Amino acid sequence: MWWGTAIEAPDPGALARFYADLLGWTIGHEEPGTTILAAPEGPVYVVFQQAADYRPPVWPPAEGRQRPMMHFDFQVGDLESAVAEAVALGASVAENQPQENVRVLFDPAGHPFCLCRDDG
């Protein structure tokens, strides 16, 4: 048995490579319009799919705009170093930061994701 999720993107290969670099995972499969990222331990996959007329979600949500339908949370030991690494890979930091121990960022396609400090 395996499990995973699918994420729409204007350039699925580029977005999969961003997350591969961020997480240290590998590209398991790539074909036109689809790239699959494989977790190193276990049957977990993230599928990045080409989306026609892709519009990035808006966070925080705004009336009449595309809402985030999901987001990743990644637990990290050193929050500021993890943010710096993600930004160096192409992420951007959200203006609105609702928690001290969490940083909201946007991946290169505009999907929000969170880096959560492991307090222990």
Protein backbone atom coordinates (compact mmCIF):
# COMPACT_ATOMS: atom_id res chain seq x y z
CA MET A 1 0.00 0.00 0.00
CA TRP A 2 1.18 3.54 -0.73
CA TRP A 3 -0.28 6.94 -0.10
CA GLY A 4 0.29 10.45 -1.31
CA THR A 5 -1.23 13.67 -2.46
CA ALA A 6 -1.36 15.51 -5.76
CA ILE A 7 -0.51 19.20 -6.12
CA GLU A 8 -1.22 21.36 -9.14
CA ALA A 9 1.53 23.58 -10.52
CA PRO A 10 2.38 25.51 -13.66
CA ASP A 11 5.74 23.66 -13.84
CA PRO A 12 5.44 20.35 -11.96
CA GLY A 13 9.07 19.35 -12.53
CA ALA A 14 10.46 22.58 -11.10
CA LEU A 15 8.17 22.46 -8.08
CA ALA A 16 9.03 18.80 -7.42
CA ARG A 17 12.75 19.65 -7.57
CA PHE A 18 12.20 22.51 -5.07
CA TYR A 19 10.65 20.09 -2.57
CA ALA A 20 13.23 17.39 -3.36
CA ASP A 21 15.99 19.85 -2.44
CA LEU A 22 14.12 21.16 0.61
CA LEU A 23 13.38 17.69 2.01
CA GLY A 24 16.26 15.62 0.68
CA TRP A 25 13.80 13.34 -1.15
CA THR A 26 14.25 11.97 -4.66
CA ILE A 27 12.32 12.28 -7.88
CA GLY A 28 10.74 8.86 -8.33
CA HIS A 29 9.21 9.39 -11.76
CA GLU A 30 8.90 12.16 -14.31
CA GLU A 31 6.95 12.44 -17.54
CA PRO A 32 5.44 15.39 -19.40
CA GLY A 33 2.98 17.10 -17.05
CA THR A 34 3.69 14.93 -14.01
CA THR A 35 6.58 14.56 -11.59
CA ILE A 36 6.51 12.29 -8.54
CA LEU A 37 8.55 12.93 -5.41
CA ALA A 38 9.28 9.83 -3.30
CA ALA A 39 9.92 9.80 0.45
CA PRO A 40 13.10 7.96 1.44
CA GLU A 41 11.32 5.81 4.04
CA GLY A 42 8.15 4.12 3.06
CA PRO A 43 5.60 4.30 0.33
CA VAL A 44 4.82 8.03 0.52
CA TYR A 45 4.60 10.08 -2.65
CA VAL A 46 3.80 13.64 -3.65
CA VAL A 47 2.59 13.97 -7.22
CA PHE A 48 3.02 17.32 -8.96
CA GLN A 49 0.67 17.74 -11.91
CA GLN A 50 0.50 20.27 -14.71
CA ALA A 51 -2.47 22.60 -14.29
CA ALA A 52 -3.90 24.67 -17.11
CA ASP A 53 -4.76 28.21 -16.02
CA TYR A 54 -3.06 27.68 -12.65
CA ARG A 55 -3.69 30.42 -10.09
CA PRO A 56 -1.72 30.35 -6.86
CA PRO A 57 -3.75 30.36 -3.66
CA VAL A 58 -3.91 33.46 -1.50
CA TRP A 59 -2.88 33.30 2.15
CA PRO A 60 -4.28 34.42 4.39
CA PRO A 61 -7.55 33.69 2.59
CA ALA A 62 -9.24 36.65 0.92
CA GLU A 63 -12.84 36.94 -0.22
CA GLY A 64 -13.25 36.05 -3.89
CA ARG A 65 -9.68 34.72 -4.31
CA GLN A 66 -8.37 31.15 -4.62
CA ARG A 67 -8.08 29.76 -1.09
CA PRO A 68 -5.36 27.30 -0.08
CA MET A 69 -6.89 23.84 -0.16
CA MET A 70 -4.02 22.19 1.69
CA HIS A 71 -0.56 22.98 2.95
CA PHE A 72 2.49 21.14 4.22
CA ASP A 73 3.83 21.47 7.77
CA PHE A 74 7.49 20.54 8.22
CA GLN A 75 9.01 20.15 11.68
CA VAL A 76 12.50 21.69 11.99
CA GLY A 77 15.07 22.04 14.75
CA ASP A 78 16.41 25.49 13.89
CA LEU A 79 13.61 27.64 12.52
CA GLU A 80 15.67 30.56 11.22
CA SER A 81 18.18 28.30 9.45
CA ALA A 82 15.36 26.30 7.87
CA VAL A 83 13.71 29.51 6.66
CA ALA A 84 17.01 30.73 5.19
CA GLU A 85 17.53 27.40 3.39
CA ALA A 86 13.99 27.42 1.97
CA VAL A 87 14.40 31.00 0.75
CA ALA A 88 17.74 30.13 -0.87
CA LEU A 89 15.93 27.33 -2.75
CA GLY A 90 13.26 29.71 -4.08
CA ALA A 91 10.63 30.05 -1.33
CA SER A 92 9.37 33.40 -0.11
CA VAL A 93 8.33 34.36 3.40
CA ALA A 94 4.69 35.35 3.94
CA GLU A 95 4.09 38.81 5.32
CA ASN A 96 1.54 37.53 7.87
CA GLN A 97 3.14 35.33 10.55
CA PRO A 98 0.50 34.21 13.07
CA GLN A 99 2.72 32.19 15.45
CA GLU A 100 6.15 32.69 17.01
CA ASN A 101 7.27 29.08 16.54
CA VAL A 102 5.97 28.73 12.94
CA ARG A 103 6.98 30.46 9.72
CA VAL A 104 4.61 30.53 6.78
CA LEU A 105 6.35 30.50 3.41
CA PHE A 106 5.29 30.17 -0.22
CA ASP A 107 6.87 27.63 -2.56
CA PRO A 108 7.89 28.80 -6.05
CA ALA A 109 4.37 28.09 -7.38
CA GLY A 110 2.75 30.11 -4.57
CA HIS A 111 1.49 27.25 -2.37
CA PRO A 112 1.82 28.11 1.33
CA PHE A 113 3.76 25.75 3.59
CA CYS A 114 4.85 26.00 7.22
CA LEU A 115 8.14 25.39 8.95
CA CYS A 116 7.36 24.51 12.58
CA ARG A 117 10.04 24.70 15.26
CA ASP A 118 10.42 21.46 17.22
CA ASP A 119 10.31 22.64 20.82
CA GLY A 120 10.75 19.26 22.05
